[in-house]
Amino acid sequence: MITVVTLNPAVDKTYRLLRLEPGRVHRVTEVIRRSGGKGINVARVLKALGCPVQLIGFVGGSNGGWIRSQLAELGIPENLLPIDRETRDCINILDEEVNTQTELLERGPSISTEAWKTFQRRLADLSPESRYVLFCGSLPPGVPNDAYAQLIQLAKESGAQTALDTSGQPLALGLRASPDIIKPNLYELAQITDLDPAEQTQLPSLLTSWNRSGIPLAIVTLGAQGAWAAYREKVFHLFPVPVEALNPVGSGDAFLGGLIAALYQDQPIPKALAWATAAAASNAQHRWAGEIDPDQVMAFVNRVQVSPQEKSL
């Protein structure tokens, strides 16, 4: 079993516009409403790739009920704890003329101390039956900034392998618990290090330093430019399949889903990295975040270039 922790899920709404102009009234050409947040997107990809997956987190209000119904339709089991506040909305505005996206992300409902303790007990119950536990997305108000560090330690004590995909202080503090896998993007990496995003030659040495600190697989994704990865100090440069992106939102989530699906099926690390890159490319070809075509992913896998580097640069 793969357990995905989504502490701050959302109802994702995508608005398509001919052109976004600040201060003007706009006519929306299309509205798409989906259950979302990084964890749900990752779970959707894992389900599509044939992996047993379950979700755990918090939901509340009418949005929470709607998310539950959507997960039931997808056939994804959930252990989402009910809270008495409304699950958040997140807005993505797609400008069709210049092909840009603008995201408006609510913080989410505040979680009580009692609910947080209940969640920790529930994760402790689920972790022993989980081969992987994935920690995805932002933290809602009310939980401590080191929440992921606490939860990673809890899951590791049960024998599960762990992956962390978040940003800001939760990422910086989560790294101290040495998850088995981390996957920030370049912007998220720059937030917690002195890295200059324009100077990517620093990436291999930074990733291998995380290997040495106890994180076996460290990855930084670069969007359409691919990714860098380091596994036990062996560095790989990933070159993606060139595609014309319809909606790149969720491609990082698809990357993690593809990676874990491959590892769950005991693929070697280079092949798993190819699966991840292929899943991200397939997601970009779809209108909705976390949506992939499994046949397309498998077709893309053999076109992804995973280039081992002789040494850290």
C-alpha atoms as a PDB file:
ATOM      1  CA  MET A   1       0.000   0.000   0.000  1.00  0.00           C
ATOM      2  CA  ILE A   2       1.023   3.601  -0.678  1.00  0.00           C
ATOM      3  CA  THR A   3      -0.344   6.171   1.773  1.00  0.00           C
ATOM      4  CA  VAL A   4      -0.501   9.786   0.633  1.00  0.00           C
ATOM      5  CA  VAL A   5      -0.743  12.468   3.323  1.00  0.00           C
ATOM      6  CA  THR A   6      -2.664  15.546   2.176  1.00  0.00           C
ATOM      7  CA  LEU A   7      -3.093  17.861   5.153  1.00  0.00           C
ATOM      8  CA  ASN A   8      -4.394  20.800   3.111  1.00  0.00           C
ATOM      9  CA  PRO A   9      -6.455  19.509   0.149  1.00  0.00           C
ATOM     10  CA  ALA A  10      -8.461  21.851  -2.024  1.00  0.00           C
ATOM     11  CA  VAL A  11     -11.168  22.229  -4.564  1.00  0.00           C
ATOM     12  CA  ASP A  12      -9.203  23.342  -7.615  1.00  0.00           C
ATOM     13  CA  LYS A  13     -10.971  25.691  -9.997  1.00  0.00           C
ATOM     14  CA  THR A  14      -9.423  26.522 -13.348  1.00  0.00           C
ATOM     15  CA  TYR A  15     -10.656  29.530 -15.312  1.00  0.00           C
ATOM     16  CA  ARG A  16      -9.737  29.876 -18.981  1.00  0.00           C
ATOM     17  CA  LEU A  17      -9.606  33.417 -20.365  1.00  0.00           C
ATOM     18  CA  LEU A  18      -8.718  34.776 -23.762  1.00  0.00           C
ATOM     19  CA  ARG A  19      -6.437  37.287 -22.036  1.00  0.00           C
ATOM     20  CA  LEU A  20      -5.880  38.272 -18.406  1.00  0.00           C
ATOM     21  CA  GLU A  21      -5.757  42.041 -17.927  1.00  0.00           C
ATOM     22  CA  PRO A  22      -5.499  43.389 -14.353  1.00  0.00           C
ATOM     23  CA  GLY A  23      -8.271  45.783 -13.389  1.00  0.00           C
ATOM     24  CA  ARG A  24     -10.624  44.624 -16.156  1.00  0.00           C
ATOM     25  CA  VAL A  25     -13.841  42.599 -16.194  1.00  0.00           C
ATOM     26  CA  HIS A  26     -13.305  39.193 -17.830  1.00  0.00           C
ATOM     27  CA  ARG A  27     -15.568  36.677 -19.524  1.00  0.00           C
ATOM     28  CA  VAL A  28     -14.488  33.148 -18.632  1.00  0.00           C
ATOM     29  CA  THR A  29     -14.459  30.766 -21.597  1.00  0.00           C
ATOM     30  CA  GLU A  30     -14.342  27.584 -19.505  1.00  0.00           C
ATOM     31  CA  VAL A  31     -14.487  26.536 -15.838  1.00  0.00           C
ATOM     32  CA  ILE A  32     -13.048  23.229 -14.580  1.00  0.00           C
ATOM     33  CA  ARG A  33     -13.663  22.067 -10.981  1.00  0.00           C
ATOM     34  CA  ARG A  34     -11.570  19.245  -9.568  1.00  0.00           C
ATOM     35  CA  SER A  35     -10.587  17.758  -6.226  1.00  0.00           C
ATOM     36  CA  GLY A  36      -7.005  18.823  -5.790  1.00  0.00           C
ATOM     37  CA  GLY A  37      -4.002  19.754  -3.764  1.00  0.00           C
ATOM     38  CA  LYS A  38      -0.668  18.031  -4.353  1.00  0.00           C
ATOM     39  CA  GLY A  39      -1.553  14.891  -2.426  1.00  0.00           C
ATOM     40  CA  ILE A  40      -4.765  14.213  -4.318  1.00  0.00           C
ATOM     41  CA  ASN A  41      -3.010  14.834  -7.640  1.00  0.00           C
ATOM     42  CA  VAL A  42      -0.271  12.353  -6.700  1.00  0.00           C
ATOM     43  CA  ALA A  43      -2.829   9.764  -5.588  1.00  0.00           C
ATOM     44  CA  ARG A  44      -4.734  10.141  -8.857  1.00  0.00           C
ATOM     45  CA  VAL A  45      -1.561   9.420 -10.849  1.00  0.00           C
ATOM     46  CA  LEU A  46      -0.678   6.419  -8.691  1.00  0.00           C
ATOM     47  CA  LYS A  47      -4.175   5.017  -9.162  1.00  0.00           C
ATOM     48  CA  ALA A  48      -3.937   5.482 -12.937  1.00  0.00           C
ATOM     49  CA  LEU A  49      -0.630   3.592 -12.955  1.00  0.00           C
ATOM     50  CA  GLY A  50      -2.138   0.622 -11.159  1.00  0.00           C
ATOM     51  CA  CYS A  51      -0.814   1.128  -7.623  1.00  0.00           C
ATOM     52  CA  PRO A  52      -2.782   0.552  -4.398  1.00  0.00           C
ATOM     53  CA  VAL A  53      -3.100   3.978  -2.812  1.00  0.00           C
ATOM     54  CA  GLN A  54      -5.009   5.576   0.050  1.00  0.00           C
ATOM     55  CA  LEU A  55      -5.331   9.175   1.243  1.00  0.00           C
ATOM     56  CA  ILE A  56      -5.196  10.599   4.749  1.00  0.00           C
ATOM     57  CA  GLY A  57      -5.676  14.223   5.749  1.00  0.00           C
ATOM     58  CA  PHE A  58      -8.398  16.690   6.710  1.00  0.00           C
ATOM     59  CA  VAL A  59     -11.592  17.823   4.950  1.00  0.00           C
ATOM     60  CA  GLY A  60     -14.533  19.943   6.036  1.00  0.00           C
ATOM     61  CA  GLY A  61     -17.738  21.619   4.907  1.00  0.00           C
ATOM     62  CA  SER A  62     -19.430  21.249   1.539  1.00  0.00           C
ATOM     63  CA  ASN A  63     -16.085  21.332  -0.263  1.00  0.00           C
ATOM     64  CA  GLY A  64     -14.891  18.433   1.887  1.00  0.00           C
ATOM     65  CA  GLY A  65     -17.993  16.399   1.123  1.00  0.00           C
ATOM     66  CA  TRP A  66     -17.575  17.057  -2.568  1.00  0.00           C
ATOM     67  CA  ILE A  67     -13.930  15.930  -2.443  1.00  0.00           C
ATOM     68  CA  ARG A  68     -14.982  12.688  -0.750  1.00  0.00           C
ATOM     69  CA  SER A  69     -17.525  12.025  -3.503  1.00  0.00           C
ATOM     70  CA  GLN A  70     -14.932  12.676  -6.197  1.00  0.00           C
ATOM     71  CA  LEU A  71     -12.445  10.278  -4.590  1.00  0.00           C
ATOM     72  CA  ALA A  72     -15.158   7.616  -4.356  1.00  0.00           C
ATOM     73  CA  GLU A  73     -15.806   7.983  -8.087  1.00  0.00           C
ATOM     74  CA  LEU A  74     -12.075   7.534  -8.733  1.00  0.00           C
ATOM     75  CA  GLY A  75     -11.968   4.444  -6.532  1.00  0.00           C
ATOM     76  CA  ILE A  76      -9.338   5.958  -4.206  1.00  0.00           C
ATOM     77  CA  PRO A  77      -9.842   4.904  -0.554  1.00  0.00           C
ATOM     78  CA  GLU A  78      -9.565   7.743   1.958  1.00  0.00           C
ATOM     79  CA  ASN A  79      -9.134   8.176   5.692  1.00  0.00           C
ATOM     80  CA  LEU A  80      -9.784  11.916   5.678  1.00  0.00           C
ATOM     81  CA  LEU A  81     -10.596  13.297   9.106  1.00  0.00           C
ATOM     82  CA  PRO A  82     -13.651  15.596   9.272  1.00  0.00           C
ATOM     83  CA  ILE A  83     -13.142  19.117  10.593  1.00  0.00           C
ATOM     84  CA  ASP A  84     -15.718  21.811  11.295  1.00  0.00           C
ATOM     85  CA  ARG A  85     -14.285  24.370   8.856  1.00  0.00           C
ATOM     86  CA  GLU A  86     -14.541  24.610   5.091  1.00  0.00           C
ATOM     87  CA  THR A  87     -11.855  23.013   2.914  1.00  0.00           C
ATOM     88  CA  ARG A  88     -10.155  25.664   0.813  1.00  0.00           C
ATOM     89  CA  ASP A  89     -10.575  26.712  -2.824  1.00  0.00           C
ATOM     90  CA  CYS A  90      -7.584  27.260  -5.120  1.00  0.00           C
ATOM     91  CA  ILE A  91      -7.926  29.216  -8.350  1.00  0.00           C
ATOM     92  CA  ASN A  92      -5.829  28.815 -11.492  1.00  0.00           C
ATOM     93  CA  ILE A  93      -6.313  31.362 -14.284  1.00  0.00           C
ATOM     94  CA  LEU A  94      -5.119  30.274 -17.724  1.00  0.00           C
ATOM     95  CA  ASP A  95      -4.398  33.056 -20.207  1.00  0.00           C
ATOM     96  CA  GLU A  96      -4.897  31.478 -23.635  1.00  0.00           C
ATOM     97  CA  GLU A  97      -3.321  34.303 -25.625  1.00  0.00           C
ATOM     98  CA  VAL A  98       0.102  34.253 -23.965  1.00  0.00           C
ATOM     99  CA  ASN A  99      -0.169  30.718 -22.483  1.00  0.00           C
ATOM    100  CA  THR A 100       0.474  31.711 -18.856  1.00  0.00           C
ATOM    101  CA  GLN A 101      -1.086  30.637 -15.590  1.00  0.00           C
ATOM    102  CA  THR A 102      -1.851  32.681 -12.474  1.00  0.00           C
ATOM    103  CA  GLU A 103      -2.623  30.818  -9.262  1.00  0.00           C
ATOM    104  CA  LEU A 104      -4.559  32.118  -6.247  1.00  0.00           C
ATOM    105  CA  LEU A 105      -4.131  29.712  -3.322  1.00  0.00           C
ATOM    106  CA  GLU A 106      -6.144  29.998  -0.109  1.00  0.00           C
ATOM    107  CA  ARG A 107      -4.315  29.147   3.131  1.00  0.00           C
ATOM    108  CA  GLY A 108      -6.845  26.549   4.219  1.00  0.00           C
ATOM    109  CA  PRO A 109      -8.854  25.979   7.423  1.00  0.00           C
ATOM    110  CA  SER A 110      -7.198  26.033  10.825  1.00  0.00           C
ATOM    111  CA  ILE A 111      -6.623  22.635  12.434  1.00  0.00           C
ATOM    112  CA  SER A 112      -7.253  22.250  16.170  1.00  0.00           C
ATOM    113  CA  THR A 113      -4.717  20.681  18.526  1.00  0.00           C
ATOM    114  CA  GLU A 114      -7.122  17.806  19.166  1.00  0.00           C
ATOM    115  CA  ALA A 115      -7.583  17.127  15.428  1.00  0.00           C
ATOM    116  CA  TRP A 116      -3.807  17.183  14.907  1.00  0.00           C
ATOM    117  CA  LYS A 117      -3.256  14.609  17.655  1.00  0.00           C
ATOM    118  CA  THR A 118      -6.021  12.416  16.210  1.00  0.00           C
ATOM    119  CA  PHE A 119      -4.355  12.594  12.804  1.00  0.00           C
ATOM    120  CA  GLN A 120      -1.002  11.499  14.220  1.00  0.00           C
ATOM    121  CA  ARG A 121      -2.635   8.476  15.848  1.00  0.00           C
ATOM    122  CA  ARG A 122      -4.356   7.549  12.610  1.00  0.00           C
ATOM    123  CA  LEU A 123      -1.122   7.800  10.611  1.00  0.00           C
ATOM    124  CA  ALA A 124       0.599   5.630  13.209  1.00  0.00           C
ATOM    125  CA  ASP A 125      -2.085   2.994  12.582  1.00  0.00           C
ATOM    126  CA  LEU A 126      -1.781   3.170   8.784  1.00  0.00           C
ATOM    127  CA  SER A 127       1.998   3.396   8.406  1.00  0.00           C
ATOM    128  CA  PRO A 128       2.828  -0.236   9.265  1.00  0.00           C
ATOM    129  CA  GLU A 129       0.715  -1.448   6.325  1.00  0.00           C
ATOM    130  CA  SER A 130       2.327   1.089   3.965  1.00  0.00           C
ATOM    131  CA  ARG A 131       5.418   0.461   1.878  1.00  0.00           C
ATOM    132  CA  TYR A 132       5.602   4.186   1.094  1.00  0.00           C
ATOM    133  CA  VAL A 133       4.173   7.198   2.920  1.00  0.00           C
ATOM    134  CA  LEU A 134       4.188  10.405   0.869  1.00  0.00           C
ATOM    135  CA  PHE A 135       3.903  13.864   2.420  1.00  0.00           C
ATOM    136  CA  CYS A 136       2.604  16.358  -0.116  1.00  0.00           C
ATOM    137  CA  GLY A 137       1.634  20.013  -0.214  1.00  0.00           C
ATOM    138  CA  SER A 138       1.331  22.957   2.133  1.00  0.00           C
ATOM    139  CA  LEU A 139       0.517  22.858   5.831  1.00  0.00           C
ATOM    140  CA  PRO A 140      -2.815  24.225   7.017  1.00  0.00           C
ATOM    141  CA  PRO A 141      -2.890  26.817   9.803  1.00  0.00           C
ATOM    142  CA  GLY A 142      -2.843  25.336  13.281  1.00  0.00           C
ATOM    143  CA  VAL A 143      -0.306  22.551  12.743  1.00  0.00           C
ATOM    144  CA  PRO A 144       3.343  23.137  13.683  1.00  0.00           C
ATOM    145  CA  ASN A 145       5.863  24.159  11.045  1.00  0.00           C
ATOM    146  CA  ASP A 146       7.815  20.968  11.754  1.00  0.00           C
ATOM    147  CA  ALA A 147       4.711  18.816  11.206  1.00  0.00           C
ATOM    148  CA  TYR A 148       6.272  16.917   8.315  1.00  0.00           C
ATOM    149  CA  ALA A 149       9.438  16.252  10.298  1.00  0.00           C
ATOM    150  CA  GLN A 150       7.310  14.751  13.086  1.00  0.00           C
ATOM    151  CA  LEU A 151       5.251  12.648  10.679  1.00  0.00           C
ATOM    152  CA  ILE A 152       8.252  11.422   8.684  1.00  0.00           C
ATOM    153  CA  GLN A 153       9.868  10.177  11.878  1.00  0.00           C
ATOM    154  CA  LEU A 154       6.621   8.454  12.877  1.00  0.00           C
ATOM    155  CA  ALA A 155       6.305   6.712   9.494  1.00  0.00           C
ATOM    156  CA  LYS A 156       9.968   5.681   9.413  1.00  0.00           C
ATOM    157  CA  GLU A 157       9.649   4.070  12.831  1.00  0.00           C
ATOM    158  CA  SER A 158       7.020   1.739  11.334  1.00  0.00           C
ATOM    159  CA  GLY A 159       9.405   0.703   8.542  1.00  0.00           C
ATOM    160  CA  ALA A 160       7.772   2.694   5.720  1.00  0.00           C
ATOM    161  CA  GLN A 161       9.805   4.575   3.146  1.00  0.00           C
ATOM    162  CA  THR A 162       8.976   8.279   3.012  1.00  0.00           C
ATOM    163  CA  ALA A 163       8.885  11.049   0.414  1.00  0.00           C
ATOM    164  CA  LEU A 164       8.480  14.796   0.982  1.00  0.00           C
ATOM    165  CA  ASP A 165       7.145  17.284  -1.569  1.00  0.00           C
ATOM    166  CA  THR A 166       6.453  20.681  -0.038  1.00  0.00           C
ATOM    167  CA  SER A 167       8.016  24.145   0.174  1.00  0.00           C
ATOM    168  CA  GLY A 168       9.237  26.869   2.501  1.00  0.00           C
ATOM    169  CA  GLN A 169       9.854  26.230   6.181  1.00  0.00           C
ATOM    170  CA  PRO A 170       7.949  22.902   6.212  1.00  0.00           C
ATOM    171  CA  LEU A 171      10.449  21.670   3.592  1.00  0.00           C
ATOM    172  CA  ALA A 172      13.494  23.041   5.417  1.00  0.00           C
ATOM    173  CA  LEU A 173      12.402  21.493   8.718  1.00  0.00           C
ATOM    174  CA  GLY A 174      11.218  18.283   7.067  1.00  0.00           C
ATOM    175  CA  LEU A 175      14.677  17.657   5.622  1.00  0.00           C
ATOM    176  CA  ARG A 176      16.005  17.283   9.161  1.00  0.00           C
ATOM    177  CA  ALA A 177      14.008  14.053   9.517  1.00  0.00           C
ATOM    178  CA  SER A 178      15.886  12.587   6.512  1.00  0.00           C
ATOM    179  CA  PRO A 179      13.029  11.379   4.307  1.00  0.00           C
ATOM    180  CA  ASP A 180      14.012   8.750   1.764  1.00  0.00           C
ATOM    181  CA  ILE A 181      13.003  10.981  -1.172  1.00  0.00           C
ATOM    182  CA  ILE A 182      12.696  14.741  -1.648  1.00  0.00           C
ATOM    183  CA  LYS A 183      11.459  16.507  -4.778  1.00  0.00           C
ATOM    184  CA  PRO A 184      11.382  20.310  -4.638  1.00  0.00           C
ATOM    185  CA  ASN A 185      11.262  22.362  -7.807  1.00  0.00           C
ATOM    186  CA  LEU A 186      13.909  24.978  -8.535  1.00  0.00           C
ATOM    187  CA  TYR A 187      11.913  27.830  -6.987  1.00  0.00           C
ATOM    188  CA  GLU A 188      11.200  25.847  -3.820  1.00  0.00           C
ATOM    189  CA  LEU A 189      14.857  24.900  -3.568  1.00  0.00           C
ATOM    190  CA  ALA A 190      15.959  28.530  -3.871  1.00  0.00           C
ATOM    191  CA  GLN A 191      13.617  29.436  -1.004  1.00  0.00           C
ATOM    192  CA  ILE A 192      15.537  27.326   1.516  1.00  0.00           C
ATOM    193  CA  THR A 193      19.126  27.589   0.218  1.00  0.00           C
ATOM    194  CA  ASP A 194      21.518  30.208  -1.119  1.00  0.00           C
ATOM    195  CA  LEU A 195      21.073  28.755  -4.596  1.00  0.00           C
ATOM    196  CA  ASP A 196      20.860  31.205  -7.488  1.00  0.00           C
ATOM    197  CA  PRO A 197      18.142  29.717  -9.752  1.00  0.00           C
ATOM    198  CA  ALA A 198      20.070  30.937 -12.777  1.00  0.00           C
ATOM    199  CA  GLU A 199      23.191  29.025 -11.698  1.00  0.00           C
ATOM    200  CA  GLN A 200      22.180  25.375 -12.060  1.00  0.00           C
ATOM    201  CA  THR A 201      25.743  24.055 -12.033  1.00  0.00           C
ATOM    202  CA  GLN A 202      25.443  24.025  -8.225  1.00  0.00           C
ATOM    203  CA  LEU A 203      22.635  21.478  -8.257  1.00  0.00           C
ATOM    204  CA  PRO A 204      24.591  18.183  -8.415  1.00  0.00           C
ATOM    205  CA  SER A 205      26.808  19.056  -5.462  1.00  0.00           C
ATOM    206  CA  LEU A 206      23.818  20.257  -3.438  1.00  0.00           C
ATOM    207  CA  LEU A 207      21.831  17.091  -4.159  1.00  0.00           C
ATOM    208  CA  THR A 208      24.715  14.785  -3.309  1.00  0.00           C
ATOM    209  CA  SER A 209      25.256  16.690  -0.059  1.00  0.00           C
ATOM    210  CA  TRP A 210      21.694  15.714   0.856  1.00  0.00           C
ATOM    211  CA  ASN A 211      22.524  12.098  -0.002  1.00  0.00           C
ATOM    212  CA  ARG A 212      25.397  12.275   2.463  1.00  0.00           C
ATOM    213  CA  SER A 213      23.108  13.762   5.130  1.00  0.00           C
ATOM    214  CA  GLY A 214      20.831  10.699   5.003  1.00  0.00           C
ATOM    215  CA  ILE A 215      18.399  11.375   2.125  1.00  0.00           C
ATOM    216  CA  PRO A 216      19.056   8.578  -0.412  1.00  0.00           C
ATOM    217  CA  LEU A 217      17.199  10.127  -3.389  1.00  0.00           C
ATOM    218  CA  ALA A 218      17.220  13.906  -3.864  1.00  0.00           C
ATOM    219  CA  ILE A 219      15.621  15.499  -6.927  1.00  0.00           C
ATOM    220  CA  VAL A 220      15.045  19.032  -8.151  1.00  0.00           C
ATOM    221  CA  THR A 221      12.615  19.493 -11.034  1.00  0.00           C
ATOM    222  CA  LEU A 222      13.069  22.210 -13.631  1.00  0.00           C
ATOM    223  CA  GLY A 223       9.742  22.193 -15.471  1.00  0.00           C
ATOM    224  CA  ALA A 224      10.149  21.914 -19.236  1.00  0.00           C
ATOM    225  CA  GLN A 225      13.942  21.723 -18.741  1.00  0.00           C
ATOM    226  CA  GLY A 226      13.726  18.345 -16.996  1.00  0.00           C
ATOM    227  CA  ALA A 227      15.352  17.603 -13.637  1.00  0.00           C
ATOM    228  CA  TRP A 228      18.504  16.723 -11.742  1.00  0.00           C
ATOM    229  CA  ALA A 229      18.603  13.760  -9.370  1.00  0.00           C
ATOM    230  CA  ALA A 230      21.156  12.218  -7.048  1.00  0.00           C
ATOM    231  CA  TYR A 231      20.797   8.697  -5.662  1.00  0.00           C
ATOM    232  CA  ARG A 232      23.407   7.660  -3.102  1.00  0.00           C
ATOM    233  CA  GLU A 233      25.790  10.227  -4.650  1.00  0.00           C
ATOM    234  CA  LYS A 234      25.228   9.012  -8.226  1.00  0.00           C
ATOM    235  CA  VAL A 235      24.009  11.995 -10.256  1.00  0.00           C
ATOM    236  CA  PHE A 236      21.543  11.898 -13.157  1.00  0.00           C
ATOM    237  CA  HIS A 237      20.448  14.633 -15.539  1.00  0.00           C
ATOM    238  CA  LEU A 238      16.929  14.072 -16.861  1.00  0.00           C
ATOM    239  CA  PHE A 239      15.940  15.380 -20.292  1.00  0.00           C
ATOM    240  CA  PRO A 240      12.166  15.321 -20.869  1.00  0.00           C
ATOM    241  CA  VAL A 241      10.117  14.436 -23.904  1.00  0.00           C
ATOM    242  CA  PRO A 242       9.399  17.705 -25.747  1.00  0.00           C
ATOM    243  CA  VAL A 243       5.636  18.286 -25.708  1.00  0.00           C
ATOM    244  CA  GLU A 244       3.368  21.237 -26.318  1.00  0.00           C
ATOM    245  CA  ALA A 245       1.911  21.852 -22.864  1.00  0.00           C
ATOM    246  CA  LEU A 246      -1.842  22.247 -22.665  1.00  0.00           C
ATOM    247  CA  ASN A 247      -1.800  22.861 -18.894  1.00  0.00           C
ATOM    248  CA  PRO A 248       1.443  22.314 -16.948  1.00  0.00           C
ATOM    249  CA  VAL A 249      -0.243  22.613 -13.532  1.00  0.00           C
ATOM    250  CA  GLY A 250       0.277  19.401 -11.586  1.00  0.00           C
ATOM    251  CA  SER A 251       3.229  18.146 -13.599  1.00  0.00           C
ATOM    252  CA  GLY A 252       5.427  18.118 -10.492  1.00  0.00           C
ATOM    253  CA  ASP A 253       2.796  16.033  -8.716  1.00  0.00           C
ATOM    254  CA  ALA A 254       2.661  13.662 -11.689  1.00  0.00           C
ATOM    255  CA  PHE A 255       6.470  13.396 -11.516  1.00  0.00           C
ATOM    256  CA  LEU A 256       6.289  12.174  -7.931  1.00  0.00           C
ATOM    257  CA  GLY A 257       3.404   9.835  -8.720  1.00  0.00           C
ATOM    258  CA  GLY A 258       5.271   8.317 -11.651  1.00  0.00           C
ATOM    259  CA  LEU A 259       8.439   7.939  -9.588  1.00  0.00           C
ATOM    260  CA  ILE A 260       6.740   6.157  -6.686  1.00  0.00           C
ATOM    261  CA  ALA A 261       4.687   3.950  -9.044  1.00  0.00           C
ATOM    262  CA  ALA A 262       7.900   2.744 -10.676  1.00  0.00           C
ATOM    263  CA  LEU A 263       9.680   2.188  -7.369  1.00  0.00           C
ATOM    264  CA  TYR A 264       6.638   0.327  -6.028  1.00  0.00           C
ATOM    265  CA  GLN A 265       6.932  -1.973  -9.036  1.00  0.00           C
ATOM    266  CA  ASP A 266      10.636  -2.465  -8.258  1.00  0.00           C
ATOM    267  CA  GLN A 267      12.000  -0.577 -11.251  1.00  0.00           C
ATOM    268  CA  PRO A 268      15.687   0.455 -10.968  1.00  0.00           C
ATOM    269  CA  ILE A 269      16.372   4.095 -10.149  1.00  0.00           C
ATOM    270  CA  PRO A 270      17.217   5.253 -13.734  1.00  0.00           C
ATOM    271  CA  LYS A 271      14.020   3.662 -15.056  1.00  0.00           C
ATOM    272  CA  ALA A 272      11.998   5.122 -12.179  1.00  0.00           C
ATOM    273  CA  LEU A 273      13.331   8.579 -13.009  1.00  0.00           C
ATOM    274  CA  ALA A 274      12.254   8.035 -16.620  1.00  0.00           C
ATOM    275  CA  TRP A 275       8.756   7.024 -15.464  1.00  0.00           C
ATOM    276  CA  ALA A 276       8.584  10.189 -13.375  1.00  0.00           C
ATOM    277  CA  THR A 277       9.632  12.429 -16.253  1.00  0.00           C
ATOM    278  CA  ALA A 278       7.242  10.691 -18.631  1.00  0.00           C
ATOM    279  CA  ALA A 279       4.320  11.096 -16.214  1.00  0.00           C
ATOM    280  CA  ALA A 280       5.067  14.812 -15.888  1.00  0.00           C
ATOM    281  CA  ALA A 281       5.039  15.177 -19.687  1.00  0.00           C
ATOM    282  CA  SER A 282       1.747  13.299 -19.962  1.00  0.00           C
ATOM    283  CA  ASN A 283       0.188  15.531 -17.308  1.00  0.00           C
ATOM    284  CA  ALA A 284       1.212  18.637 -19.268  1.00  0.00           C
ATOM    285  CA  GLN A 285      -0.694  17.244 -22.258  1.00  0.00           C
ATOM    286  CA  HIS A 286      -3.963  17.183 -20.291  1.00  0.00           C
ATOM    287  CA  ARG A 287      -6.309  19.932 -19.221  1.00  0.00           C
ATOM    288  CA  TRP A 288      -6.486  18.876 -15.577  1.00  0.00           C
ATOM    289  CA  ALA A 289      -3.824  18.694 -12.880  1.00  0.00           C
ATOM    290  CA  GLY A 290      -2.899  15.157 -11.915  1.00  0.00           C
ATOM    291  CA  GLU A 291      -4.350  13.677 -15.096  1.00  0.00           C
ATOM    292  CA  ILE A 292      -2.260  11.254 -17.150  1.00  0.00           C
ATOM    293  CA  ASP A 293      -2.729   8.646 -19.866  1.00  0.00           C
ATOM    294  CA  PRO A 294      -0.939   5.459 -18.693  1.00  0.00           C
ATOM    295  CA  ASP A 295      -0.355   4.288 -22.278  1.00  0.00           C
ATOM    296  CA  GLN A 296       1.130   7.667 -23.144  1.00  0.00           C
ATOM    297  CA  VAL A 297       3.390   7.503 -20.079  1.00  0.00           C
ATOM    298  CA  MET A 298       4.751   4.113 -21.140  1.00  0.00           C
ATOM    299  CA  ALA A 299       5.305   5.411 -24.696  1.00  0.00           C
ATOM    300  CA  PHE A 300       7.177   8.435 -23.326  1.00  0.00           C
ATOM    301  CA  VAL A 301       9.378   6.402 -20.959  1.00  0.00           C
ATOM    302  CA  ASN A 302      11.644   5.124 -23.727  1.00  0.00           C
ATOM    303  CA  ARG A 303      12.019   8.656 -25.111  1.00  0.00           C
ATOM    304  CA  VAL A 304      13.198  10.202 -21.844  1.00  0.00           C
ATOM    305  CA  GLN A 305      16.957  10.626 -21.640  1.00  0.00           C
ATOM    306  CA  VAL A 306      18.385   9.781 -18.205  1.00  0.00           C
ATOM    307  CA  SER A 307      22.019  10.785 -18.390  1.00  0.00           C
ATOM    308  CA  PRO A 308      24.358   9.561 -15.606  1.00  0.00           C
ATOM    309  CA  GLN A 309      27.056  12.071 -14.694  1.00  0.00           C
ATOM    310  CA  GLU A 310      30.606  10.877 -14.111  1.00  0.00           C
ATOM    311  CA  LYS A 311      30.968  13.017 -11.012  1.00  0.00           C
ATOM    312  CA  SER A 312      29.297  15.833  -9.136  1.00  0.00           C
ATOM    313  CA  LEU A 313      29.908  19.124 -10.915  1.00  0.00           C
END
